[in-house]
Amino acid sequence: MALYSRVGSVFPYLHAVSVGKVYLSLMSEEKRHQVIQKIGLPAITKYTITDPETLEAELMQTKTCCFGFEDQELREGVRRIADPIFNFSGKHVGCIGMSASIFNFDLKDKKKYGEMVANAARKTSADMGYQSNNGPA
């Protein structure tokens, strides 16, 4: 299985991708509900979360463990994990993540990969002047 992304590609369904889950989890509840109301929760694959309550629980877990996880929700056979990047003022400015086929990303390795991505995000945030005592904006 080949994994690829087109540079500059846009995918509006934040609920179906790990990076999108990070963004949604860091929004205020009001803003998150507005975004979800606007874009909806369509099924992209049979694994996509389409129930608002299930998504909300997933987003709370994303916020708690600090990484977004996607298990074949955008593309069957692919798992992704992402972690937020913050700038010097504590503002969320992006994410770092990884994608792998389900054959190379076993669910038992989720925590290990989450920590690897989190370490990269922390380093990148620090390089951008973020100090963890700043707290996200």
N, C-alpha and C. Protein backbone atom coordinates (compact mmCIF):
# COMPACT_ATOMS: atom_id res chain seq x y z
N MET A 1 0.84 -1.18 0.00
CA MET A 1 0.00 0.00 0.00
C MET A 1 0.89 1.23 0.00
N ALA A 2 0.67 2.11 -0.94
CA ALA A 2 1.41 3.36 -1.02
C ALA A 2 0.62 4.46 -0.32
N LEU A 3 1.31 5.25 0.49
CA LEU A 3 0.69 6.40 1.16
C LEU A 3 1.24 7.66 0.52
N TYR A 4 0.37 8.57 0.22
CA TYR A 4 0.81 9.83 -0.36
C TYR A 4 -0.21 10.91 -0.06
N SER A 5 0.25 12.13 -0.13
CA SER A 5 -0.62 13.31 -0.02
C SER A 5 -0.17 14.30 -1.06
N ARG A 6 -1.12 15.00 -1.62
CA ARG A 6 -0.76 16.08 -2.54
C ARG A 6 -0.47 17.32 -1.72
N VAL A 7 0.63 17.98 -2.04
CA VAL A 7 0.96 19.23 -1.37
C VAL A 7 -0.15 20.22 -1.66
N GLY A 8 -0.63 20.86 -0.60
CA GLY A 8 -1.67 21.86 -0.75
C GLY A 8 -3.08 21.30 -0.81
N SER A 9 -3.21 19.98 -0.66
CA SER A 9 -4.56 19.41 -0.70
C SER A 9 -5.34 19.85 0.53
N VAL A 10 -6.63 20.01 0.36
CA VAL A 10 -7.50 20.48 1.43
C VAL A 10 -8.59 19.44 1.65
N PHE A 11 -8.85 19.16 2.91
CA PHE A 11 -9.92 18.24 3.24
C PHE A 11 -10.75 18.88 4.34
N PRO A 12 -11.98 19.26 4.06
CA PRO A 12 -12.76 20.06 5.01
C PRO A 12 -13.35 19.30 6.19
N TYR A 13 -13.34 17.99 6.16
CA TYR A 13 -14.01 17.23 7.21
C TYR A 13 -13.07 16.95 8.37
N LEU A 14 -13.00 17.91 9.28
CA LEU A 14 -12.06 17.85 10.40
C LEU A 14 -12.28 16.64 11.29
N HIS A 15 -13.50 16.14 11.34
CA HIS A 15 -13.81 15.02 12.23
C HIS A 15 -13.20 13.71 11.76
N ALA A 16 -12.72 13.65 10.53
CA ALA A 16 -12.25 12.40 9.95
C ALA A 16 -10.73 12.30 9.85
N VAL A 17 -10.01 13.29 10.37
CA VAL A 17 -8.55 13.28 10.29
C VAL A 17 -7.95 13.64 11.65
N SER A 18 -6.79 13.07 11.95
CA SER A 18 -6.16 13.31 13.25
C SER A 18 -5.84 14.78 13.48
N VAL A 19 -5.32 15.45 12.47
CA VAL A 19 -5.01 16.88 12.61
C VAL A 19 -6.30 17.67 12.87
N GLY A 20 -7.35 17.33 12.17
CA GLY A 20 -8.63 18.01 12.37
C GLY A 20 -9.16 17.82 13.77
N LYS A 21 -8.97 16.63 14.32
CA LYS A 21 -9.42 16.37 15.70
C LYS A 21 -8.64 17.23 16.69
N VAL A 22 -7.35 17.44 16.42
CA VAL A 22 -6.57 18.33 17.28
C VAL A 22 -7.16 19.73 17.22
N TYR A 23 -7.38 20.23 16.01
CA TYR A 23 -7.95 21.57 15.86
C TYR A 23 -9.30 21.68 16.58
N LEU A 24 -10.17 20.71 16.35
CA LEU A 24 -11.49 20.74 16.99
C LEU A 24 -11.38 20.69 18.51
N SER A 25 -10.46 19.88 19.02
CA SER A 25 -10.34 19.74 20.48
C SER A 25 -9.85 21.01 21.15
N LEU A 26 -9.13 21.84 20.41
CA LEU A 26 -8.59 23.07 20.99
C LEU A 26 -9.52 24.27 20.82
N MET A 27 -10.60 24.09 20.09
CA MET A 27 -11.59 25.17 19.92
C MET A 27 -12.47 25.26 21.16
N SER A 28 -13.05 26.42 21.35
CA SER A 28 -14.06 26.54 22.40
C SER A 28 -15.24 25.65 22.01
N GLU A 29 -16.01 25.24 22.97
CA GLU A 29 -17.16 24.37 22.69
C GLU A 29 -18.12 25.04 21.70
N GLU A 30 -18.33 26.33 21.88
CA GLU A 30 -19.24 27.07 20.99
C GLU A 30 -18.72 27.07 19.55
N LYS A 31 -17.44 27.38 19.39
CA LYS A 31 -16.84 27.42 18.05
C LYS A 31 -16.87 26.02 17.42
N ARG A 32 -16.55 25.00 18.21
CA ARG A 32 -16.55 23.62 17.71
C ARG A 32 -17.93 23.24 17.19
N HIS A 33 -18.97 23.57 17.94
CA HIS A 33 -20.33 23.24 17.52
C HIS A 33 -20.71 24.00 16.24
N GLN A 34 -20.26 25.25 16.12
CA GLN A 34 -20.52 26.01 14.90
C GLN A 34 -19.86 25.35 13.69
N VAL A 35 -18.61 24.95 13.86
CA VAL A 35 -17.87 24.31 12.76
C VAL A 35 -18.53 23.00 12.37
N ILE A 36 -18.86 22.18 13.35
CA ILE A 36 -19.48 20.89 13.06
C ILE A 36 -20.85 21.08 12.42
N GLN A 37 -21.59 22.06 12.88
CA GLN A 37 -22.89 22.36 12.28
C GLN A 37 -22.73 22.72 10.80
N LYS A 38 -21.68 23.48 10.51
CA LYS A 38 -21.46 23.94 9.14
C LYS A 38 -20.99 22.82 8.21
N ILE A 39 -20.01 22.02 8.67
CA ILE A 39 -19.44 21.00 7.79
C ILE A 39 -20.13 19.65 7.90
N GLY A 40 -20.83 19.42 9.00
CA GLY A 40 -21.49 18.14 9.20
C GLY A 40 -20.51 17.05 9.61
N LEU A 41 -21.03 15.84 9.75
CA LEU A 41 -20.20 14.69 10.12
C LEU A 41 -20.45 13.54 9.13
N PRO A 42 -20.19 13.77 7.86
CA PRO A 42 -20.45 12.71 6.88
C PRO A 42 -19.47 11.54 7.03
N ALA A 43 -19.94 10.37 6.69
CA ALA A 43 -19.09 9.18 6.69
C ALA A 43 -18.21 9.21 5.44
N ILE A 44 -16.92 9.20 5.64
CA ILE A 44 -15.97 9.14 4.53
C ILE A 44 -15.64 7.67 4.26
N THR A 45 -15.48 6.91 5.34
CA THR A 45 -15.32 5.45 5.26
C THR A 45 -16.29 4.85 6.27
N LYS A 46 -16.33 3.55 6.34
CA LYS A 46 -17.22 2.91 7.32
C LYS A 46 -16.72 3.10 8.75
N TYR A 47 -15.51 3.62 8.91
CA TYR A 47 -14.93 3.85 10.24
C TYR A 47 -15.08 5.29 10.73
N THR A 48 -15.52 6.18 9.88
CA THR A 48 -15.63 7.59 10.25
C THR A 48 -16.65 7.79 11.36
N ILE A 49 -16.28 8.59 12.34
CA ILE A 49 -17.20 8.92 13.43
C ILE A 49 -18.24 9.89 12.87
N THR A 50 -19.51 9.50 12.98
CA THR A 50 -20.59 10.35 12.47
C THR A 50 -21.56 10.77 13.57
N ASP A 51 -21.38 10.24 14.76
CA ASP A 51 -22.25 10.56 15.89
C ASP A 51 -21.62 11.70 16.70
N PRO A 52 -22.34 12.81 16.90
CA PRO A 52 -21.78 13.95 17.62
C PRO A 52 -21.28 13.62 19.04
N GLU A 53 -21.99 12.78 19.76
CA GLU A 53 -21.57 12.44 21.12
C GLU A 53 -20.29 11.60 21.12
N THR A 54 -20.18 10.68 20.18
CA THR A 54 -18.97 9.87 20.06
C THR A 54 -17.79 10.76 19.69
N LEU A 55 -18.02 11.68 18.77
CA LEU A 55 -16.96 12.60 18.38
C LEU A 55 -16.54 13.47 19.56
N GLU A 56 -17.50 13.98 20.31
CA GLU A 56 -17.18 14.83 21.46
C GLU A 56 -16.33 14.06 22.48
N ALA A 57 -16.66 12.81 22.72
CA ALA A 57 -15.86 11.98 23.64
C ALA A 57 -14.44 11.80 23.09
N GLU A 58 -14.33 11.58 21.80
CA GLU A 58 -13.01 11.43 21.16
C GLU A 58 -12.21 12.73 21.28
N LEU A 59 -12.88 13.86 21.10
CA LEU A 59 -12.18 15.14 21.19
C LEU A 59 -11.72 15.43 22.61
N MET A 60 -12.49 15.02 23.60
CA MET A 60 -12.06 15.20 24.99
C MET A 60 -10.84 14.33 25.27
N GLN A 61 -10.82 13.13 24.70
CA GLN A 61 -9.65 12.26 24.85
C GLN A 61 -8.45 12.88 24.13
N THR A 62 -8.69 13.45 22.97
CA THR A 62 -7.62 14.13 22.22
C THR A 62 -7.03 15.25 23.05
N LYS A 63 -7.87 16.03 23.67
CA LYS A 63 -7.41 17.16 24.48
C LYS A 63 -6.66 16.67 25.72
N THR A 64 -7.13 15.59 26.32
CA THR A 64 -6.51 15.05 27.53
C THR A 64 -5.15 14.42 27.25
N CYS A 65 -5.08 13.60 26.21
CA CYS A 65 -3.81 12.91 25.93
C CYS A 65 -2.93 13.70 24.98
N CYS A 66 -3.46 14.78 24.46
CA CYS A 66 -2.71 15.73 23.62
C CYS A 66 -2.34 15.22 22.24
N PHE A 67 -2.97 14.20 21.75
CA PHE A 67 -2.77 13.87 20.35
C PHE A 67 -4.07 13.41 19.73
N GLY A 68 -4.22 13.73 18.46
CA GLY A 68 -5.38 13.29 17.71
C GLY A 68 -5.07 11.97 17.05
N PHE A 69 -6.03 11.08 17.04
CA PHE A 69 -5.83 9.76 16.45
C PHE A 69 -6.95 9.47 15.46
N GLU A 70 -6.57 8.86 14.38
CA GLU A 70 -7.53 8.51 13.34
C GLU A 70 -7.26 7.07 12.92
N ASP A 71 -8.29 6.26 12.97
CA ASP A 71 -8.17 4.85 12.62
C ASP A 71 -9.03 4.54 11.40
N GLN A 72 -8.47 4.76 10.23
CA GLN A 72 -9.12 4.44 8.96
C GLN A 72 -10.37 5.27 8.70
N GLU A 73 -10.45 6.44 9.28
CA GLU A 73 -11.64 7.26 9.15
C GLU A 73 -11.67 8.08 7.86
N LEU A 74 -10.50 8.39 7.33
CA LEU A 74 -10.42 9.12 6.07
C LEU A 74 -10.13 8.16 4.91
N ARG A 75 -9.28 7.20 5.17
CA ARG A 75 -8.90 6.24 4.14
C ARG A 75 -8.73 4.87 4.79
N GLU A 76 -9.45 3.90 4.31
CA GLU A 76 -9.34 2.56 4.87
C GLU A 76 -7.92 2.04 4.70
N GLY A 77 -7.43 1.41 5.75
CA GLY A 77 -6.09 0.86 5.73
C GLY A 77 -5.02 1.82 6.23
N VAL A 78 -5.42 3.03 6.66
CA VAL A 78 -4.46 4.04 7.10
C VAL A 78 -4.82 4.54 8.50
N ARG A 79 -3.81 4.63 9.35
CA ARG A 79 -3.96 5.24 10.67
C ARG A 79 -3.07 6.47 10.73
N ARG A 80 -3.54 7.49 11.44
CA ARG A 80 -2.78 8.73 11.58
C ARG A 80 -2.82 9.19 13.02
N ILE A 81 -1.78 9.91 13.40
CA ILE A 81 -1.71 10.49 14.73
C ILE A 81 -1.08 11.87 14.59
N ALA A 82 -1.56 12.84 15.35
CA ALA A 82 -1.07 14.22 15.23
C ALA A 82 -1.06 14.89 16.59
N ASP A 83 -0.18 15.87 16.72
CA ASP A 83 -0.04 16.61 17.97
C ASP A 83 0.09 18.10 17.65
N PRO A 84 -0.43 18.97 18.51
CA PRO A 84 -0.42 20.41 18.22
C PRO A 84 0.95 21.06 18.39
N ILE A 85 1.15 22.13 17.63
CA ILE A 85 2.33 22.99 17.75
C ILE A 85 1.83 24.37 18.20
N PHE A 86 2.55 24.95 19.16
CA PHE A 86 2.20 26.27 19.69
C PHE A 86 3.35 27.24 19.44
N ASN A 87 3.02 28.51 19.26
CA ASN A 87 4.07 29.52 19.06
C ASN A 87 4.45 30.17 20.39
N PHE A 88 5.27 31.20 20.32
CA PHE A 88 5.80 31.87 21.50
C PHE A 88 4.71 32.42 22.42
N SER A 89 3.55 32.74 21.87
CA SER A 89 2.49 33.31 22.70
C SER A 89 1.51 32.24 23.20
N GLY A 90 1.78 30.98 22.87
CA GLY A 90 0.90 29.90 23.29
C GLY A 90 -0.24 29.64 22.33
N LYS A 91 -0.21 30.30 21.17
CA LYS A 91 -1.27 30.11 20.18
C LYS A 91 -1.00 28.83 19.37
N HIS A 92 -2.05 28.06 19.17
CA HIS A 92 -1.95 26.85 18.34
C HIS A 92 -1.78 27.29 16.89
N VAL A 93 -0.66 26.89 16.27
CA VAL A 93 -0.35 27.34 14.91
C VAL A 93 -0.23 26.21 13.90
N GLY A 94 -0.34 24.98 14.33
CA GLY A 94 -0.21 23.87 13.40
C GLY A 94 -0.13 22.55 14.13
N CYS A 95 0.22 21.52 13.38
CA CYS A 95 0.34 20.17 13.94
C CYS A 95 1.49 19.43 13.28
N ILE A 96 1.97 18.45 13.98
CA ILE A 96 2.92 17.48 13.43
C ILE A 96 2.25 16.12 13.56
N GLY A 97 2.38 15.30 12.54
CA GLY A 97 1.75 14.00 12.62
C GLY A 97 2.47 12.96 11.79
N MET A 98 1.94 11.77 11.87
CA MET A 98 2.46 10.67 11.06
C MET A 98 1.30 9.83 10.55
N SER A 99 1.52 9.21 9.42
CA SER A 99 0.55 8.31 8.82
C SER A 99 1.25 7.00 8.52
N ALA A 100 0.53 5.92 8.66
CA ALA A 100 1.09 4.61 8.32
C ALA A 100 -0.04 3.66 7.98
N SER A 101 0.29 2.65 7.23
CA SER A 101 -0.72 1.64 6.93
C SER A 101 -1.02 0.85 8.20
N ILE A 102 -2.18 0.23 8.23
CA ILE A 102 -2.55 -0.57 9.40
C ILE A 102 -1.59 -1.74 9.60
N PHE A 103 -0.86 -2.09 8.57
CA PHE A 103 0.11 -3.18 8.67
C PHE A 103 1.38 -2.73 9.38
N ASN A 104 1.65 -1.42 9.35
CA ASN A 104 2.83 -0.86 9.99
C ASN A 104 2.52 -0.08 11.26
N PHE A 105 1.26 0.14 11.55
CA PHE A 105 0.84 0.91 12.72
C PHE A 105 -0.17 0.06 13.48
N ASP A 106 0.35 -0.81 14.31
CA ASP A 106 -0.50 -1.67 15.13
C ASP A 106 -1.10 -0.83 16.26
N LEU A 107 -2.34 -1.10 16.61
CA LEU A 107 -3.00 -0.32 17.66
C LEU A 107 -2.25 -0.39 18.99
N LYS A 108 -1.55 -1.47 19.24
CA LYS A 108 -0.79 -1.57 20.50
C LYS A 108 0.36 -0.55 20.55
N ASP A 109 0.72 0.01 19.40
CA ASP A 109 1.80 1.00 19.34
C ASP A 109 1.29 2.44 19.37
N LYS A 110 0.00 2.62 19.53
CA LYS A 110 -0.60 3.96 19.50
C LYS A 110 0.06 4.90 20.52
N LYS A 111 0.23 4.45 21.74
CA LYS A 111 0.83 5.30 22.78
C LYS A 111 2.27 5.64 22.42
N LYS A 112 3.02 4.65 21.96
CA LYS A 112 4.43 4.87 21.59
C LYS A 112 4.53 5.91 20.47
N TYR A 113 3.71 5.76 19.43
CA TYR A 113 3.75 6.72 18.33
C TYR A 113 3.24 8.08 18.78
N GLY A 114 2.24 8.08 19.65
CA GLY A 114 1.74 9.34 20.19
C GLY A 114 2.84 10.10 20.92
N GLU A 115 3.64 9.38 21.70
CA GLU A 115 4.75 10.02 22.42
C GLU A 115 5.81 10.53 21.46
N MET A 116 6.09 9.77 20.40
CA MET A 116 7.08 10.21 19.41
C MET A 116 6.63 11.51 18.74
N VAL A 117 5.37 11.54 18.34
CA VAL A 117 4.84 12.74 17.67
C VAL A 117 4.78 13.90 18.67
N ALA A 118 4.39 13.62 19.91
CA ALA A 118 4.33 14.67 20.93
C ALA A 118 5.71 15.26 21.19
N ASN A 119 6.73 14.42 21.22
CA ASN A 119 8.10 14.93 21.42
C ASN A 119 8.51 15.85 20.28
N ALA A 120 8.19 15.46 19.06
CA ALA A 120 8.51 16.30 17.90
C ALA A 120 7.74 17.62 17.96
N ALA A 121 6.48 17.56 18.37
CA ALA A 121 5.67 18.78 18.47
C ALA A 121 6.19 19.69 19.58
N ARG A 122 6.57 19.10 20.71
CA ARG A 122 7.13 19.91 21.80
C ARG A 122 8.41 20.61 21.37
N LYS A 123 9.28 19.88 20.67
CA LYS A 123 10.54 20.47 20.21
C LYS A 123 10.26 21.60 19.22
N THR A 124 9.37 21.36 18.29
CA THR A 124 9.03 22.39 17.31
C THR A 124 8.42 23.61 17.99
N SER A 125 7.52 23.37 18.94
CA SER A 125 6.92 24.47 19.69
C SER A 125 7.99 25.26 20.43
N ALA A 126 8.91 24.56 21.08
CA ALA A 126 10.00 25.23 21.81
C ALA A 126 10.86 26.04 20.85
N ASP A 127 11.12 25.48 19.67
CA ASP A 127 11.91 26.21 18.66
C ASP A 127 11.18 27.47 18.19
N MET A 128 9.86 27.49 18.34
CA MET A 128 9.07 28.67 17.97
C MET A 128 8.89 29.62 19.16
N GLY A 129 9.57 29.31 20.27
CA GLY A 129 9.53 30.19 21.43
C GLY A 129 8.49 29.83 22.47
N TYR A 130 7.78 28.74 22.24
CA TYR A 130 6.75 28.34 23.20
C TYR A 130 7.39 27.78 24.46
N GLN A 131 6.88 28.19 25.59
CA GLN A 131 7.29 27.63 26.87
C GLN A 131 6.06 27.01 27.49
N SER A 132 6.17 25.78 27.95
CA SER A 132 4.98 25.06 28.40
C SER A 132 4.23 25.77 29.51
N ASN A 133 4.88 26.64 30.26
CA ASN A 133 4.15 27.38 31.29
C ASN A 133 3.33 28.52 30.70
N ASN A 134 3.48 28.78 29.38
CA ASN A 134 2.65 29.79 28.72
C ASN A 134 1.20 29.33 28.67
N GLY A 135 1.00 28.03 28.45
CA GLY A 135 -0.34 27.49 28.27
C GLY A 135 -0.89 27.90 26.92
N PRO A 136 -1.68 27.01 26.31
CA PRO A 136 -2.28 27.35 25.02
C PRO A 136 -3.21 28.55 25.14
N ALA A 137 -3.22 29.36 24.10
CA ALA A 137 -4.09 30.54 24.08
C ALA A 137 -5.52 30.14 23.89
